[in-house]
N, C-alpha and C. Protein backbone atom coordinates (compact mmCIF):
# COMPACT_ATOMS: atom_id res chain seq x y z
N UNK A 1 263.63 178.82 -21.83
CA UNK A 1 264.64 177.97 -22.45
C UNK A 1 263.95 176.77 -23.09
N UNK A 2 264.41 176.41 -24.27
CA UNK A 2 263.79 175.31 -25.01
C UNK A 2 264.09 173.98 -24.33
N UNK A 3 263.05 173.16 -24.17
CA UNK A 3 263.22 171.87 -23.51
C UNK A 3 263.85 170.86 -24.46
N UNK A 4 264.67 169.99 -23.90
CA UNK A 4 265.28 168.94 -24.70
C UNK A 4 264.24 167.86 -25.01
N UNK A 5 264.53 167.05 -26.01
CA UNK A 5 263.63 165.94 -26.35
C UNK A 5 263.47 165.00 -25.17
N UNK A 6 264.56 164.74 -24.48
CA UNK A 6 264.52 163.85 -23.31
C UNK A 6 263.57 164.41 -22.25
N UNK A 7 263.65 165.70 -21.97
CA UNK A 7 262.77 166.32 -20.97
C UNK A 7 261.31 166.26 -21.39
N UNK A 8 261.06 166.51 -22.67
CA UNK A 8 259.69 166.44 -23.17
C UNK A 8 259.11 165.04 -22.99
N UNK A 9 259.92 164.03 -23.29
CA UNK A 9 259.46 162.64 -23.17
C UNK A 9 259.16 162.28 -21.71
N UNK A 10 260.03 162.70 -20.80
CA UNK A 10 259.82 162.38 -19.38
C UNK A 10 258.57 163.09 -18.87
N UNK A 11 258.38 164.34 -19.21
CA UNK A 11 257.20 165.08 -18.75
C UNK A 11 255.92 164.45 -19.30
N UNK A 12 255.93 164.08 -20.57
CA UNK A 12 254.76 163.44 -21.16
C UNK A 12 254.51 162.08 -20.52
N UNK A 13 255.58 161.35 -20.26
CA UNK A 13 255.44 160.01 -19.67
C UNK A 13 254.92 160.08 -18.24
N UNK A 14 255.34 161.09 -17.48
CA UNK A 14 254.82 161.26 -16.12
C UNK A 14 253.31 161.39 -16.15
N UNK A 15 252.80 162.14 -17.10
CA UNK A 15 251.35 162.33 -17.22
C UNK A 15 250.66 161.04 -17.66
N UNK A 16 251.16 160.42 -18.71
CA UNK A 16 250.49 159.25 -19.28
C UNK A 16 250.57 158.05 -18.34
N UNK A 17 251.74 157.78 -17.78
CA UNK A 17 251.87 156.66 -16.83
C UNK A 17 251.03 156.92 -15.58
N UNK A 18 250.97 158.18 -15.14
CA UNK A 18 250.15 158.52 -13.98
C UNK A 18 248.67 158.35 -14.24
N UNK A 19 248.24 158.62 -15.46
CA UNK A 19 246.82 158.50 -15.82
C UNK A 19 246.41 157.06 -16.10
N UNK A 20 247.30 156.28 -16.75
CA UNK A 20 246.91 154.98 -17.27
C UNK A 20 247.66 153.80 -16.65
N UNK A 21 248.74 154.07 -15.94
CA UNK A 21 249.53 152.98 -15.39
C UNK A 21 250.47 152.40 -16.44
N UNK A 22 251.44 151.62 -15.96
CA UNK A 22 252.45 151.06 -16.86
C UNK A 22 251.85 150.14 -17.92
N UNK A 23 250.94 149.28 -17.51
CA UNK A 23 250.43 148.25 -18.41
C UNK A 23 249.53 148.82 -19.51
N UNK A 24 248.80 149.88 -19.21
CA UNK A 24 247.83 150.41 -20.18
C UNK A 24 248.36 151.61 -20.97
N UNK A 25 249.41 152.23 -20.49
CA UNK A 25 250.02 153.33 -21.24
C UNK A 25 250.78 152.77 -22.44
N UNK A 26 250.76 153.48 -23.53
CA UNK A 26 251.50 153.05 -24.72
C UNK A 26 252.56 154.08 -25.09
N UNK A 27 253.59 153.59 -25.75
CA UNK A 27 254.64 154.49 -26.22
C UNK A 27 254.08 155.51 -27.20
N UNK A 28 253.13 155.06 -28.02
CA UNK A 28 252.53 155.97 -29.00
C UNK A 28 251.82 157.14 -28.31
N UNK A 29 251.12 156.86 -27.21
CA UNK A 29 250.43 157.92 -26.47
C UNK A 29 251.43 158.93 -25.91
N UNK A 30 252.56 158.43 -25.44
CA UNK A 30 253.57 159.30 -24.83
C UNK A 30 254.24 160.18 -25.89
N UNK A 31 254.66 159.58 -27.00
CA UNK A 31 255.36 160.39 -28.01
C UNK A 31 254.41 161.39 -28.67
N UNK A 32 253.13 161.01 -28.76
CA UNK A 32 252.16 161.95 -29.32
C UNK A 32 252.03 163.18 -28.42
N UNK A 33 251.98 162.94 -27.11
CA UNK A 33 251.86 164.06 -26.18
C UNK A 33 253.15 164.89 -26.13
N UNK A 34 254.26 164.22 -26.31
CA UNK A 34 255.55 164.93 -26.26
C UNK A 34 255.88 165.62 -27.58
N UNK A 35 255.16 165.25 -28.64
CA UNK A 35 255.45 165.83 -29.94
C UNK A 35 256.74 165.30 -30.54
N UNK A 36 257.07 164.04 -30.23
CA UNK A 36 258.28 163.42 -30.77
C UNK A 36 257.91 162.13 -31.49
N UNK A 37 258.85 161.19 -31.55
CA UNK A 37 258.57 159.92 -32.22
C UNK A 37 259.15 158.76 -31.43
N UNK A 38 258.77 157.54 -31.82
CA UNK A 38 259.20 156.34 -31.09
C UNK A 38 260.72 156.20 -31.11
N UNK A 39 261.34 156.59 -32.19
CA UNK A 39 262.79 156.46 -32.29
C UNK A 39 263.50 157.26 -31.19
N UNK A 40 262.89 158.36 -30.76
CA UNK A 40 263.50 159.18 -29.70
C UNK A 40 263.55 158.42 -28.38
N UNK A 41 262.51 157.64 -28.09
CA UNK A 41 262.51 156.84 -26.86
C UNK A 41 263.57 155.76 -26.95
N UNK A 42 263.63 155.08 -28.09
CA UNK A 42 264.64 154.04 -28.26
C UNK A 42 266.05 154.61 -28.10
N UNK A 43 266.26 155.81 -28.60
CA UNK A 43 267.59 156.43 -28.54
C UNK A 43 267.94 156.85 -27.11
N UNK A 44 267.01 157.49 -26.41
CA UNK A 44 267.31 158.05 -25.09
C UNK A 44 267.16 157.04 -23.95
N UNK A 45 266.25 156.08 -24.08
CA UNK A 45 265.92 155.23 -22.93
C UNK A 45 265.96 153.73 -23.20
N UNK A 46 265.83 153.30 -24.42
CA UNK A 46 265.75 151.87 -24.68
C UNK A 46 264.30 151.43 -24.82
N UNK A 47 263.95 150.32 -24.17
CA UNK A 47 262.59 149.80 -24.29
C UNK A 47 261.65 150.45 -23.28
N UNK A 48 260.38 150.03 -23.29
CA UNK A 48 259.36 150.63 -22.44
C UNK A 48 259.69 150.45 -20.96
N UNK A 49 260.17 149.26 -20.57
CA UNK A 49 260.47 149.00 -19.16
C UNK A 49 261.60 149.91 -18.67
N UNK A 50 262.65 150.05 -19.47
CA UNK A 50 263.76 150.93 -19.09
C UNK A 50 263.29 152.39 -19.00
N UNK A 51 262.46 152.77 -19.94
CA UNK A 51 261.92 154.13 -19.96
C UNK A 51 261.10 154.39 -18.70
N UNK A 52 260.25 153.44 -18.33
CA UNK A 52 259.41 153.59 -17.13
C UNK A 52 260.27 153.73 -15.88
N UNK A 53 261.34 152.93 -15.81
CA UNK A 53 262.25 153.03 -14.67
C UNK A 53 262.85 154.42 -14.54
N UNK A 54 263.24 155.01 -15.66
CA UNK A 54 263.79 156.37 -15.66
C UNK A 54 262.74 157.39 -15.22
N UNK A 55 261.51 157.19 -15.68
CA UNK A 55 260.42 158.11 -15.34
C UNK A 55 260.12 158.05 -13.84
N UNK A 56 260.07 156.85 -13.28
CA UNK A 56 259.80 156.71 -11.84
C UNK A 56 260.94 157.32 -11.02
N UNK A 57 262.18 157.10 -11.44
CA UNK A 57 263.32 157.72 -10.74
C UNK A 57 263.21 159.24 -10.76
N UNK A 58 262.79 159.77 -11.89
CA UNK A 58 262.60 161.23 -12.01
C UNK A 58 261.50 161.70 -11.06
N UNK A 59 260.40 160.94 -10.99
CA UNK A 59 259.29 161.31 -10.10
C UNK A 59 259.74 161.28 -8.64
N UNK A 60 260.55 160.30 -8.27
CA UNK A 60 261.06 160.22 -6.90
C UNK A 60 261.94 161.43 -6.58
N UNK A 61 262.75 161.85 -7.54
CA UNK A 61 263.61 163.02 -7.33
C UNK A 61 262.81 164.30 -7.21
N UNK A 62 261.69 164.39 -7.95
CA UNK A 62 260.85 165.58 -7.87
C UNK A 62 260.14 165.70 -6.53
N UNK A 63 259.83 164.54 -5.93
CA UNK A 63 259.01 164.53 -4.72
C UNK A 63 259.81 164.14 -3.48
N UNK A 64 261.02 164.64 -3.35
CA UNK A 64 261.83 164.30 -2.18
C UNK A 64 261.14 164.70 -0.88
N UNK A 65 260.38 165.79 -0.90
CA UNK A 65 259.68 166.23 0.32
C UNK A 65 258.67 165.19 0.78
N UNK A 66 258.04 164.52 -0.18
CA UNK A 66 257.05 163.50 0.17
C UNK A 66 257.71 162.29 0.80
N UNK A 67 258.99 162.08 0.50
CA UNK A 67 259.69 160.91 1.03
C UNK A 67 260.10 161.10 2.48
N UNK A 68 260.30 162.33 2.89
CA UNK A 68 260.87 162.58 4.22
C UNK A 68 259.78 162.91 5.24
N UNK A 69 259.88 162.29 6.38
CA UNK A 69 259.00 162.65 7.49
C UNK A 69 259.85 162.77 8.74
N UNK A 70 259.78 163.90 9.39
CA UNK A 70 260.55 164.17 10.60
C UNK A 70 259.63 164.00 11.80
N UNK A 71 259.83 162.92 12.54
CA UNK A 71 258.99 162.63 13.71
C UNK A 71 259.52 163.30 14.97
N UNK A 72 260.74 163.79 14.92
CA UNK A 72 261.28 164.49 16.08
C UNK A 72 261.40 163.60 17.31
N UNK A 73 261.38 164.22 18.48
CA UNK A 73 261.50 163.50 19.75
C UNK A 73 260.19 163.51 20.52
N UNK A 74 259.08 163.64 19.81
CA UNK A 74 257.78 163.70 20.47
C UNK A 74 257.40 162.34 21.04
N UNK A 75 256.44 162.31 21.99
CA UNK A 75 255.93 161.04 22.49
C UNK A 75 255.29 160.25 21.35
N UNK A 76 255.16 158.92 21.50
CA UNK A 76 254.61 158.09 20.42
C UNK A 76 253.24 158.52 19.92
N UNK A 77 252.36 158.97 20.82
CA UNK A 77 251.02 159.36 20.35
C UNK A 77 251.09 160.60 19.45
N UNK A 78 251.99 161.53 19.77
CA UNK A 78 252.16 162.71 18.91
C UNK A 78 252.85 162.34 17.60
N UNK A 79 253.76 161.38 17.68
CA UNK A 79 254.40 160.90 16.46
C UNK A 79 253.38 160.27 15.51
N UNK A 80 252.42 159.56 16.07
CA UNK A 80 251.37 158.97 15.23
C UNK A 80 250.57 160.08 14.55
N UNK A 81 250.22 161.11 15.29
CA UNK A 81 249.49 162.24 14.69
C UNK A 81 250.32 162.87 13.56
N UNK A 82 251.60 163.06 13.81
CA UNK A 82 252.47 163.64 12.79
C UNK A 82 252.51 162.76 11.54
N UNK A 83 252.59 161.45 11.75
CA UNK A 83 252.65 160.52 10.62
C UNK A 83 251.37 160.59 9.80
N UNK A 84 250.22 160.58 10.47
CA UNK A 84 248.94 160.60 9.75
C UNK A 84 248.78 161.91 8.98
N UNK A 85 249.13 163.04 9.61
CA UNK A 85 249.08 164.33 8.92
C UNK A 85 249.96 164.30 7.67
N UNK A 86 251.19 163.82 7.84
CA UNK A 86 252.12 163.73 6.71
C UNK A 86 251.56 162.83 5.61
N UNK A 87 251.02 161.67 6.00
CA UNK A 87 250.53 160.72 5.01
C UNK A 87 249.39 161.31 4.19
N UNK A 88 248.44 161.93 4.85
CA UNK A 88 247.30 162.50 4.14
C UNK A 88 247.71 163.67 3.23
N UNK A 89 248.65 164.48 3.71
CA UNK A 89 249.03 165.67 2.94
C UNK A 89 250.02 165.37 1.82
N UNK A 90 251.00 164.50 2.09
CA UNK A 90 252.09 164.32 1.14
C UNK A 90 251.99 163.03 0.32
N UNK A 91 251.36 162.00 0.85
CA UNK A 91 251.25 160.73 0.12
C UNK A 91 249.90 160.64 -0.57
N UNK A 92 248.83 160.83 0.18
CA UNK A 92 247.49 160.78 -0.39
C UNK A 92 247.17 162.09 -1.11
N UNK A 93 247.66 163.21 -0.59
CA UNK A 93 247.47 164.50 -1.25
C UNK A 93 246.02 164.90 -1.42
N UNK A 94 245.27 164.88 -0.31
CA UNK A 94 243.82 165.06 -0.40
C UNK A 94 243.40 166.45 -0.85
N UNK A 95 244.10 167.49 -0.45
CA UNK A 95 243.61 168.85 -0.67
C UNK A 95 244.30 169.57 -1.84
N UNK A 96 245.08 168.83 -2.62
CA UNK A 96 245.79 169.44 -3.74
C UNK A 96 245.85 168.45 -4.90
N UNK A 97 246.12 168.93 -6.09
CA UNK A 97 246.27 168.01 -7.22
C UNK A 97 247.37 166.99 -6.95
N UNK A 98 247.14 165.75 -7.32
CA UNK A 98 248.12 164.70 -7.06
C UNK A 98 249.39 164.95 -7.85
N UNK A 99 250.53 164.70 -7.21
CA UNK A 99 251.81 164.81 -7.91
C UNK A 99 252.00 163.61 -8.83
N UNK A 100 253.01 163.67 -9.67
CA UNK A 100 253.30 162.55 -10.57
C UNK A 100 253.60 161.29 -9.78
N UNK A 101 254.36 161.43 -8.69
CA UNK A 101 254.70 160.26 -7.88
C UNK A 101 253.46 159.67 -7.23
N UNK A 102 252.58 160.51 -6.72
CA UNK A 102 251.35 160.02 -6.09
C UNK A 102 250.50 159.25 -7.10
N UNK A 103 250.38 159.77 -8.31
CA UNK A 103 249.58 159.10 -9.33
C UNK A 103 250.19 157.75 -9.71
N UNK A 104 251.50 157.72 -9.90
CA UNK A 104 252.17 156.46 -10.25
C UNK A 104 252.07 155.48 -9.09
N UNK A 105 252.23 155.99 -7.87
CA UNK A 105 252.12 155.16 -6.67
C UNK A 105 250.76 154.46 -6.63
N UNK A 106 249.69 155.22 -6.86
CA UNK A 106 248.34 154.66 -6.84
C UNK A 106 248.17 153.64 -7.96
N UNK A 107 248.67 153.95 -9.15
CA UNK A 107 248.58 153.01 -10.27
C UNK A 107 249.29 151.70 -9.94
N UNK A 108 250.43 151.79 -9.30
CA UNK A 108 251.20 150.59 -8.96
C UNK A 108 250.49 149.75 -7.89
N UNK A 109 249.77 150.39 -7.00
CA UNK A 109 249.04 149.65 -5.97
C UNK A 109 247.86 148.89 -6.58
N UNK A 110 247.24 149.48 -7.60
CA UNK A 110 246.07 148.86 -8.24
C UNK A 110 246.49 147.79 -9.24
N UNK A 111 247.52 148.09 -10.02
CA UNK A 111 247.95 147.18 -11.09
C UNK A 111 249.47 147.20 -11.15
N UNK A 112 250.14 146.45 -10.26
CA UNK A 112 251.58 146.56 -10.10
C UNK A 112 252.39 146.11 -11.32
N UNK A 113 253.55 146.74 -11.44
CA UNK A 113 254.54 146.35 -12.44
C UNK A 113 255.82 145.99 -11.69
N UNK A 114 256.85 145.51 -12.37
CA UNK A 114 258.10 145.19 -11.67
C UNK A 114 258.71 146.38 -10.92
N UNK A 115 258.37 147.61 -11.32
CA UNK A 115 258.95 148.79 -10.66
C UNK A 115 258.42 148.97 -9.25
N UNK A 116 257.35 148.26 -8.89
CA UNK A 116 256.80 148.38 -7.53
C UNK A 116 257.85 147.98 -6.49
N UNK A 117 258.71 147.02 -6.82
CA UNK A 117 259.78 146.64 -5.89
C UNK A 117 260.67 147.84 -5.57
N UNK A 118 260.96 148.65 -6.57
CA UNK A 118 261.77 149.84 -6.35
C UNK A 118 261.04 150.85 -5.47
N UNK A 119 259.75 151.05 -5.74
CA UNK A 119 258.97 151.98 -4.92
C UNK A 119 258.90 151.52 -3.48
N UNK A 120 258.73 150.20 -3.28
CA UNK A 120 258.66 149.67 -1.92
C UNK A 120 259.99 149.89 -1.19
N UNK A 121 261.09 149.57 -1.86
CA UNK A 121 262.40 149.65 -1.20
C UNK A 121 262.84 151.09 -0.93
N UNK A 122 262.53 152.01 -1.84
CA UNK A 122 263.04 153.38 -1.70
C UNK A 122 262.08 154.33 -1.00
N UNK A 123 260.79 154.00 -1.01
CA UNK A 123 259.80 154.95 -0.51
C UNK A 123 258.87 154.35 0.53
N UNK A 124 258.25 153.22 0.21
CA UNK A 124 257.20 152.68 1.08
C UNK A 124 257.77 152.03 2.32
N UNK A 125 258.73 151.11 2.16
CA UNK A 125 259.25 150.37 3.32
C UNK A 125 259.87 151.28 4.38
N UNK A 126 260.74 152.23 4.02
CA UNK A 126 261.32 153.09 5.06
C UNK A 126 260.27 153.83 5.90
N UNK A 127 259.24 154.33 5.24
CA UNK A 127 258.19 155.04 5.97
C UNK A 127 257.30 154.09 6.75
N UNK A 128 257.06 152.90 6.19
CA UNK A 128 256.26 151.92 6.92
C UNK A 128 256.97 151.50 8.20
N UNK A 129 258.29 151.35 8.15
CA UNK A 129 259.04 150.95 9.34
C UNK A 129 259.00 152.03 10.41
N UNK A 130 258.90 153.30 9.99
CA UNK A 130 258.73 154.38 10.97
C UNK A 130 257.38 154.24 11.67
N UNK A 131 256.34 153.96 10.88
CA UNK A 131 255.02 153.76 11.48
C UNK A 131 255.03 152.53 12.38
N UNK A 132 255.70 151.47 11.94
CA UNK A 132 255.75 150.25 12.75
C UNK A 132 256.40 150.53 14.12
N UNK A 133 257.45 151.32 14.13
CA UNK A 133 258.13 151.65 15.40
C UNK A 133 257.19 152.44 16.31
N UNK A 134 256.41 153.35 15.75
CA UNK A 134 255.45 154.12 16.54
C UNK A 134 254.41 153.20 17.15
N UNK A 135 253.84 152.33 16.32
CA UNK A 135 252.79 151.43 16.79
C UNK A 135 253.33 150.49 17.85
N UNK A 136 254.53 149.98 17.66
CA UNK A 136 255.13 149.07 18.65
C UNK A 136 255.30 149.77 19.99
N UNK A 137 255.64 151.06 19.97
CA UNK A 137 255.78 151.82 21.22
C UNK A 137 254.43 152.06 21.90
N UNK A 138 253.37 152.17 21.11
CA UNK A 138 252.05 152.46 21.66
C UNK A 138 251.35 151.23 22.21
N UNK A 139 251.65 150.06 21.66
CA UNK A 139 250.98 148.84 22.09
C UNK A 139 251.66 148.28 23.35
N UNK A 140 250.97 147.40 24.08
CA UNK A 140 251.56 146.78 25.26
C UNK A 140 252.82 145.99 24.90
N UNK A 141 253.67 145.75 25.90
CA UNK A 141 254.93 145.06 25.65
C UNK A 141 254.72 143.64 25.11
N UNK A 142 253.57 143.03 25.45
CA UNK A 142 253.34 141.66 24.99
C UNK A 142 252.63 141.62 23.64
N UNK A 143 252.57 142.74 22.96
CA UNK A 143 251.93 142.76 21.64
C UNK A 143 252.70 141.85 20.68
N UNK A 144 251.97 141.11 19.89
CA UNK A 144 252.60 140.21 18.93
C UNK A 144 252.91 140.96 17.63
N UNK A 145 253.70 140.32 16.80
CA UNK A 145 254.00 140.91 15.49
C UNK A 145 252.71 141.11 14.69
N UNK A 146 251.78 140.16 14.84
CA UNK A 146 250.50 140.29 14.14
C UNK A 146 249.72 141.50 14.64
N UNK A 147 249.75 141.74 15.96
CA UNK A 147 249.09 142.93 16.52
C UNK A 147 249.64 144.20 15.88
N UNK A 148 250.97 144.28 15.82
CA UNK A 148 251.61 145.48 15.29
C UNK A 148 251.24 145.69 13.83
N UNK A 149 251.31 144.61 13.05
CA UNK A 149 250.99 144.73 11.62
C UNK A 149 249.54 145.13 11.40
N UNK A 150 248.63 144.54 12.18
CA UNK A 150 247.22 144.86 12.01
C UNK A 150 246.95 146.34 12.25
N UNK A 151 247.57 146.89 13.29
CA UNK A 151 247.34 148.31 13.59
C UNK A 151 248.01 149.21 12.56
N UNK A 152 249.18 148.81 12.05
CA UNK A 152 249.81 149.59 10.98
C UNK A 152 248.92 149.64 9.75
N UNK A 153 248.41 148.48 9.35
CA UNK A 153 247.57 148.43 8.15
C UNK A 153 246.25 149.15 8.38
N UNK A 154 245.78 149.16 9.62
CA UNK A 154 244.55 149.88 9.93
C UNK A 154 244.74 151.39 9.72
N UNK A 155 245.86 151.92 10.20
CA UNK A 155 246.15 153.35 10.03
C UNK A 155 246.24 153.69 8.55
N UNK A 156 247.03 152.92 7.81
CA UNK A 156 247.21 153.18 6.38
C UNK A 156 245.90 153.02 5.62
N UNK A 157 245.14 151.98 5.99
CA UNK A 157 243.88 151.73 5.30
C UNK A 157 242.88 152.87 5.46
N UNK A 158 242.83 153.43 6.67
CA UNK A 158 241.92 154.57 6.88
C UNK A 158 242.32 155.75 6.00
N UNK A 159 243.61 155.99 5.89
CA UNK A 159 244.07 157.12 5.07
C UNK A 159 243.79 156.87 3.59
N UNK A 160 244.10 155.68 3.11
CA UNK A 160 243.94 155.38 1.69
C UNK A 160 242.48 155.33 1.27
N UNK A 161 241.59 155.02 2.21
CA UNK A 161 240.16 154.97 1.88
C UNK A 161 239.70 156.28 1.25
N UNK A 162 240.20 157.38 1.77
CA UNK A 162 239.75 158.69 1.30
C UNK A 162 240.30 159.02 -0.09
N UNK A 163 241.30 158.27 -0.53
CA UNK A 163 241.81 158.43 -1.89
C UNK A 163 241.04 157.53 -2.86
N UNK A 164 240.98 156.24 -2.52
CA UNK A 164 240.38 155.28 -3.44
C UNK A 164 238.87 155.42 -3.51
N UNK A 165 238.24 155.80 -2.41
CA UNK A 165 236.77 155.90 -2.38
C UNK A 165 236.27 157.31 -2.66
N UNK A 166 237.16 158.20 -3.06
CA UNK A 166 236.78 159.60 -3.29
C UNK A 166 235.60 159.74 -4.26
N UNK A 167 235.56 159.04 -5.40
CA UNK A 167 234.42 159.19 -6.32
C UNK A 167 233.09 158.83 -5.67
N UNK A 168 233.08 157.79 -4.82
CA UNK A 168 231.85 157.40 -4.12
C UNK A 168 231.50 158.43 -3.06
N UNK A 169 232.50 158.87 -2.30
CA UNK A 169 232.26 159.85 -1.24
C UNK A 169 231.71 161.15 -1.80
N UNK A 170 232.22 161.55 -2.97
CA UNK A 170 231.74 162.79 -3.59
C UNK A 170 230.26 162.69 -3.95
N UNK A 171 229.82 161.47 -4.23
CA UNK A 171 228.41 161.28 -4.58
C UNK A 171 227.54 161.12 -3.34
N UNK A 172 228.11 160.55 -2.28
CA UNK A 172 227.36 160.42 -1.03
C UNK A 172 227.23 161.77 -0.32
N UNK A 173 228.32 162.53 -0.30
CA UNK A 173 228.35 163.81 0.41
C UNK A 173 228.96 164.87 -0.51
N UNK A 174 228.14 165.38 -1.40
CA UNK A 174 228.63 166.33 -2.41
C UNK A 174 229.05 167.67 -1.81
N UNK A 175 228.67 167.92 -0.55
CA UNK A 175 228.99 169.21 0.07
C UNK A 175 230.40 169.25 0.66
N UNK A 176 231.09 168.11 0.71
CA UNK A 176 232.43 168.10 1.30
C UNK A 176 233.41 168.85 0.39
N UNK A 177 234.16 169.75 0.99
CA UNK A 177 235.22 170.46 0.28
C UNK A 177 236.55 170.06 0.92
N UNK A 178 237.42 169.50 0.13
CA UNK A 178 238.67 168.97 0.67
C UNK A 178 239.72 170.08 0.80
N UNK A 179 239.42 171.00 1.69
CA UNK A 179 240.35 172.09 1.99
C UNK A 179 241.44 171.57 2.92
N UNK A 180 242.45 172.38 3.12
CA UNK A 180 243.52 171.99 4.03
C UNK A 180 242.98 171.82 5.45
N UNK A 181 242.06 172.68 5.88
CA UNK A 181 241.47 172.56 7.21
C UNK A 181 240.68 171.26 7.34
N UNK A 182 239.96 170.89 6.28
CA UNK A 182 239.18 169.65 6.34
C UNK A 182 240.11 168.44 6.45
N UNK A 183 241.19 168.45 5.68
CA UNK A 183 242.13 167.33 5.72
C UNK A 183 242.82 167.27 7.08
N UNK A 184 243.11 168.42 7.67
CA UNK A 184 243.69 168.43 9.02
C UNK A 184 242.74 167.81 10.03
N UNK A 185 241.45 168.15 9.93
CA UNK A 185 240.45 167.56 10.84
C UNK A 185 240.32 166.07 10.60
N UNK A 186 240.42 165.65 9.35
CA UNK A 186 240.36 164.23 9.01
C UNK A 186 241.54 163.48 9.60
N UNK A 187 242.72 164.08 9.51
CA UNK A 187 243.91 163.46 10.08
C UNK A 187 243.78 163.32 11.60
N UNK A 188 243.24 164.34 12.24
CA UNK A 188 243.02 164.29 13.69
C UNK A 188 242.06 163.16 14.04
N UNK A 189 241.01 163.01 13.25
CA UNK A 189 240.04 161.94 13.49
C UNK A 189 240.70 160.57 13.36
N UNK A 190 241.44 160.34 12.29
CA UNK A 190 242.09 159.04 12.07
C UNK A 190 243.07 158.74 13.19
N UNK A 191 243.84 159.74 13.61
CA UNK A 191 244.80 159.54 14.70
C UNK A 191 244.08 159.19 16.00
N UNK A 192 243.00 159.90 16.31
CA UNK A 192 242.26 159.65 17.55
C UNK A 192 241.65 158.25 17.55
N UNK A 193 241.04 157.85 16.44
CA UNK A 193 240.44 156.52 16.35
C UNK A 193 241.51 155.44 16.49
N UNK A 194 242.64 155.64 15.84
CA UNK A 194 243.72 154.65 15.89
C UNK A 194 244.30 154.54 17.30
N UNK A 195 244.51 155.68 17.95
CA UNK A 195 245.04 155.66 19.32
C UNK A 195 244.07 154.98 20.27
N UNK A 196 242.77 155.26 20.11
CA UNK A 196 241.77 154.62 20.97
C UNK A 196 241.79 153.11 20.78
N UNK A 197 241.95 152.66 19.54
CA UNK A 197 242.01 151.23 19.28
C UNK A 197 243.22 150.58 19.91
N UNK A 198 244.36 151.23 19.84
CA UNK A 198 245.57 150.67 20.43
C UNK A 198 245.50 150.64 21.95
N UNK A 199 244.90 151.68 22.53
CA UNK A 199 244.78 151.72 23.99
C UNK A 199 243.79 150.69 24.50
N UNK A 200 242.91 150.22 23.64
CA UNK A 200 241.90 149.23 24.04
C UNK A 200 242.45 147.81 24.00
N UNK A 201 243.64 147.60 23.47
CA UNK A 201 244.18 146.25 23.33
C UNK A 201 244.27 145.51 24.66
N UNK A 202 244.82 146.09 25.74
CA UNK A 202 244.87 145.34 27.01
C UNK A 202 243.48 144.92 27.49
N UNK A 203 242.49 145.81 27.36
CA UNK A 203 241.13 145.49 27.79
C UNK A 203 240.54 144.37 26.92
N UNK A 204 240.81 144.40 25.64
CA UNK A 204 240.32 143.36 24.75
C UNK A 204 240.90 142.01 25.13
N UNK A 205 242.17 142.00 25.50
CA UNK A 205 242.81 140.74 25.88
C UNK A 205 242.22 140.21 27.18
N UNK A 206 241.92 141.13 28.13
CA UNK A 206 241.34 140.72 29.40
C UNK A 206 239.96 140.11 29.18
N UNK A 207 239.16 140.74 28.34
CA UNK A 207 237.82 140.21 28.04
C UNK A 207 237.93 138.86 27.37
N UNK A 208 238.88 138.72 26.42
CA UNK A 208 239.05 137.45 25.72
C UNK A 208 239.49 136.36 26.68
N UNK A 209 240.40 136.72 27.62
CA UNK A 209 240.87 135.73 28.59
C UNK A 209 239.75 135.27 29.50
N UNK A 210 238.92 136.21 29.95
CA UNK A 210 237.78 135.86 30.79
C UNK A 210 236.81 134.96 30.04
N UNK A 211 236.60 135.28 28.77
CA UNK A 211 235.70 134.47 27.96
C UNK A 211 236.21 133.06 27.80
N UNK A 212 237.54 132.92 27.64
CA UNK A 212 238.12 131.60 27.50
C UNK A 212 238.00 130.79 28.77
N UNK A 213 238.19 131.44 29.94
CA UNK A 213 238.06 130.72 31.22
C UNK A 213 236.62 130.30 31.45
N UNK A 214 235.68 131.19 31.09
CA UNK A 214 234.27 130.86 31.27
C UNK A 214 233.88 129.68 30.40
N UNK A 215 234.42 129.61 29.19
CA UNK A 215 234.10 128.53 28.27
C UNK A 215 234.64 127.21 28.81
N UNK A 216 235.86 127.27 29.41
CA UNK A 216 236.47 126.05 29.94
C UNK A 216 235.70 125.52 31.14
N UNK A 217 235.12 126.43 31.94
CA UNK A 217 234.39 125.99 33.13
C UNK A 217 233.00 125.49 32.74
């Protein structure tokens, strides 16, 4: 079936915005790839900002599976493993070509546009709050808000490292093949390291308290 002009523009924009980001992508690049003209964008979407908003909404609708994570009724440590597996496979997408949403997501993290607020509210914040609840359950009852945030960002940071540092890693270890099995092993490693760090919090506090008493004496 022949694609409509609107569909052609959205498909071309998903590619161009994903490759170049909002600020560096141009309308001319998009219409050239779509085989249309600037007047078509003005007619169907309005200005560049309105067009980008429509494109991001379309990307979110395409990737509904990436938005959902079912943690079930498992214990907190298993929920953390589930979250890390989901994050690496569906958000970072290590073993498969990145989706349009993943590419736009990465572009927004590096060089944000006003649409980042929408991504945070509809996609990032809901999933972050799920991770926060897991971490809060794993840490001691006297854990501070700062403790919880630090461990959340530590988990996310470990996962994102493998996306942002991929060009360097490929040069350091050219033999790595990012198969599904490799990404599963990577997720297991990140979960184990994170759990070990959280379980060490009471011991760290005890050592710090002893150090403070020794300093006072």
